[in-house]
Amino acid sequence: MSKQIENHFELKDVCRSAGLWYVGSFMLEFLKRKEEWQDADRKSEFIKSLYQEYPGIDDDISGTTTRANAMIRIIESGKVKDAMQLVLDANEKKLGCLESKTNAKVVLDMLEKGTL
């Protein structure tokens, strides 16, 4: 288990580590594929698959590893709803990816309905 996020400022820092647009865009995938990254033996394969499936996001796999570890920390800290709210509240120009807001709303709706 990763170090718990203690407060809102720390959450913002962790979201910045992953990239706020990434948090919004990929949270659902991380939640759906939880079994893969929770297993220590499968985690590196999970990260490798993200790196290969979404070329151009990171120059090398270490960038994807940093993003993945930040996402996992958000989930394990129970801060998914708060992180999705940060995405929804973000300045659209700074966020740079409107799709991430749409995806964040979907995650929040699914959490509210208990379907996730």
Protein backbone atom coordinates (compact mmCIF):
# COMPACT_ATOMS: atom_id res chain seq x y z
CA MET A 1 0.00 0.00 0.00
CA SER A 2 1.26 3.43 -0.89
CA LYS A 3 1.61 6.38 1.47
CA GLN A 4 -1.81 7.84 2.25
CA ILE A 5 -2.74 11.30 1.01
CA GLU A 6 -3.35 13.34 4.15
CA ASN A 7 -4.92 16.59 2.93
CA HIS A 8 -6.22 18.61 -0.01
CA PHE A 9 -2.84 20.19 -0.77
CA GLU A 10 -1.17 16.80 -0.92
CA LEU A 11 -3.95 15.55 -3.21
CA LYS A 12 -3.34 18.47 -5.57
CA ASP A 13 0.39 17.65 -5.63
CA VAL A 14 -0.27 13.98 -6.38
CA CYS A 15 -2.72 14.96 -9.14
CA ARG A 16 -0.06 17.26 -10.60
CA SER A 17 2.40 14.36 -10.57
CA ALA A 18 0.07 12.31 -12.73
CA GLY A 19 -1.19 15.29 -14.68
CA LEU A 20 -4.70 16.47 -13.81
CA TRP A 21 -5.88 15.73 -17.36
CA TYR A 22 -4.52 12.17 -16.95
CA VAL A 23 -6.34 11.74 -13.64
CA GLY A 24 -9.64 12.64 -15.28
CA SER A 25 -8.99 10.73 -18.46
CA PHE A 26 -7.75 7.46 -16.99
CA MET A 27 -9.30 7.05 -13.53
CA LEU A 28 -12.05 4.75 -14.78
CA GLU A 29 -9.50 2.47 -16.44
CA PHE A 30 -7.45 2.29 -13.24
CA LEU A 31 -10.54 1.48 -11.19
CA LYS A 32 -11.70 -1.21 -13.61
CA ARG A 33 -8.24 -2.80 -13.82
CA LYS A 34 -7.55 -2.68 -10.08
CA GLU A 35 -6.79 -6.41 -9.85
CA GLU A 36 -3.90 -5.95 -12.27
CA TRP A 37 -2.07 -3.18 -10.42
CA GLN A 38 -2.81 -4.57 -6.96
CA ASP A 39 -0.87 -7.72 -7.78
CA ALA A 40 2.86 -6.95 -7.39
CA ASP A 41 3.78 -9.41 -10.14
CA ARG A 42 1.27 -7.97 -12.60
CA LYS A 43 1.74 -4.27 -11.79
CA SER A 44 4.75 -3.81 -14.07
CA GLU A 45 2.87 -5.51 -16.91
CA PHE A 46 -0.10 -3.22 -16.27
CA ILE A 47 2.13 -0.14 -16.49
CA LYS A 48 3.85 -1.48 -19.60
CA SER A 49 0.46 -2.06 -21.24
CA LEU A 50 -0.57 1.55 -20.52
CA TYR A 51 2.68 2.85 -21.98
CA GLN A 52 2.23 0.76 -25.14
CA GLU A 53 -1.52 1.31 -25.53
CA TYR A 54 -1.26 5.10 -25.33
CA PRO A 55 1.89 6.05 -27.26
CA GLY A 56 3.06 9.63 -27.16
CA ILE A 57 1.88 10.46 -23.65
CA ASP A 58 5.27 9.74 -22.09
CA ASP A 59 8.72 9.69 -23.66
CA ASP A 60 9.65 6.54 -21.77
CA ILE A 61 8.04 4.08 -19.38
CA SER A 62 9.33 5.91 -16.29
CA GLY A 63 6.84 8.71 -16.98
CA THR A 64 3.99 6.22 -17.17
CA THR A 65 5.24 4.60 -13.96
CA THR A 66 5.15 7.96 -12.17
CA ARG A 67 1.62 8.62 -13.42
CA ALA A 68 0.43 5.12 -12.49
CA ASN A 69 1.88 5.31 -8.98
CA ALA A 70 0.15 8.67 -8.42
CA MET A 71 -3.17 7.24 -9.64
CA ILE A 72 -2.81 4.21 -7.38
CA ARG A 73 -2.03 6.47 -4.44
CA ILE A 74 -5.21 8.49 -5.08
CA ILE A 75 -7.32 5.33 -5.21
CA GLU A 76 -5.72 3.69 -2.18
CA SER A 77 -6.14 6.90 -0.18
CA GLY A 78 -9.86 6.95 -0.91
CA LYS A 79 -9.57 10.29 -2.71
CA VAL A 80 -11.12 9.39 -6.08
CA LYS A 81 -14.18 11.63 -5.61
CA ASP A 82 -12.02 14.54 -4.48
CA ALA A 83 -9.65 14.07 -7.42
CA MET A 84 -12.56 13.96 -9.88
CA GLN A 85 -13.88 17.18 -8.38
CA LEU A 86 -10.46 18.80 -8.90
CA VAL A 87 -10.68 17.84 -12.57
CA LEU A 88 -14.20 19.25 -12.88
CA ASP A 89 -13.17 22.49 -11.15
CA ALA A 90 -10.02 22.94 -13.24
CA ASN A 91 -9.58 25.76 -15.73
CA GLU A 92 -10.32 24.21 -19.13
CA LYS A 93 -7.42 25.96 -20.86
CA LYS A 94 -4.93 24.82 -18.23
CA LEU A 95 -6.39 21.32 -18.21
CA GLY A 96 -5.98 21.08 -21.96
CA CYS A 97 -8.28 18.09 -22.38
CA LEU A 98 -12.03 18.54 -22.23
CA GLU A 99 -12.53 14.78 -22.43
CA SER A 100 -11.01 14.44 -18.98
CA LYS A 101 -13.86 16.49 -17.49
CA THR A 102 -16.41 14.28 -19.22
CA ASN A 103 -14.68 11.17 -17.93
CA ALA A 104 -14.43 12.60 -14.40
CA LYS A 105 -18.19 13.23 -14.41
CA VAL A 106 -18.83 9.64 -15.54
CA VAL A 107 -16.67 8.30 -12.68
CA LEU A 108 -18.48 10.50 -10.13
CA ASP A 109 -21.88 9.42 -11.47
CA MET A 110 -20.91 5.74 -11.32
CA LEU A 111 -19.62 6.14 -7.75
CA GLU A 112 -22.85 7.90 -6.73
CA LYS A 113 -24.96 5.12 -8.28
CA GLY A 114 -22.78 2.40 -6.76
CA THR A 115 -21.99 0.90 -10.15
CA LEU A 116 -18.26 1.22 -9.68
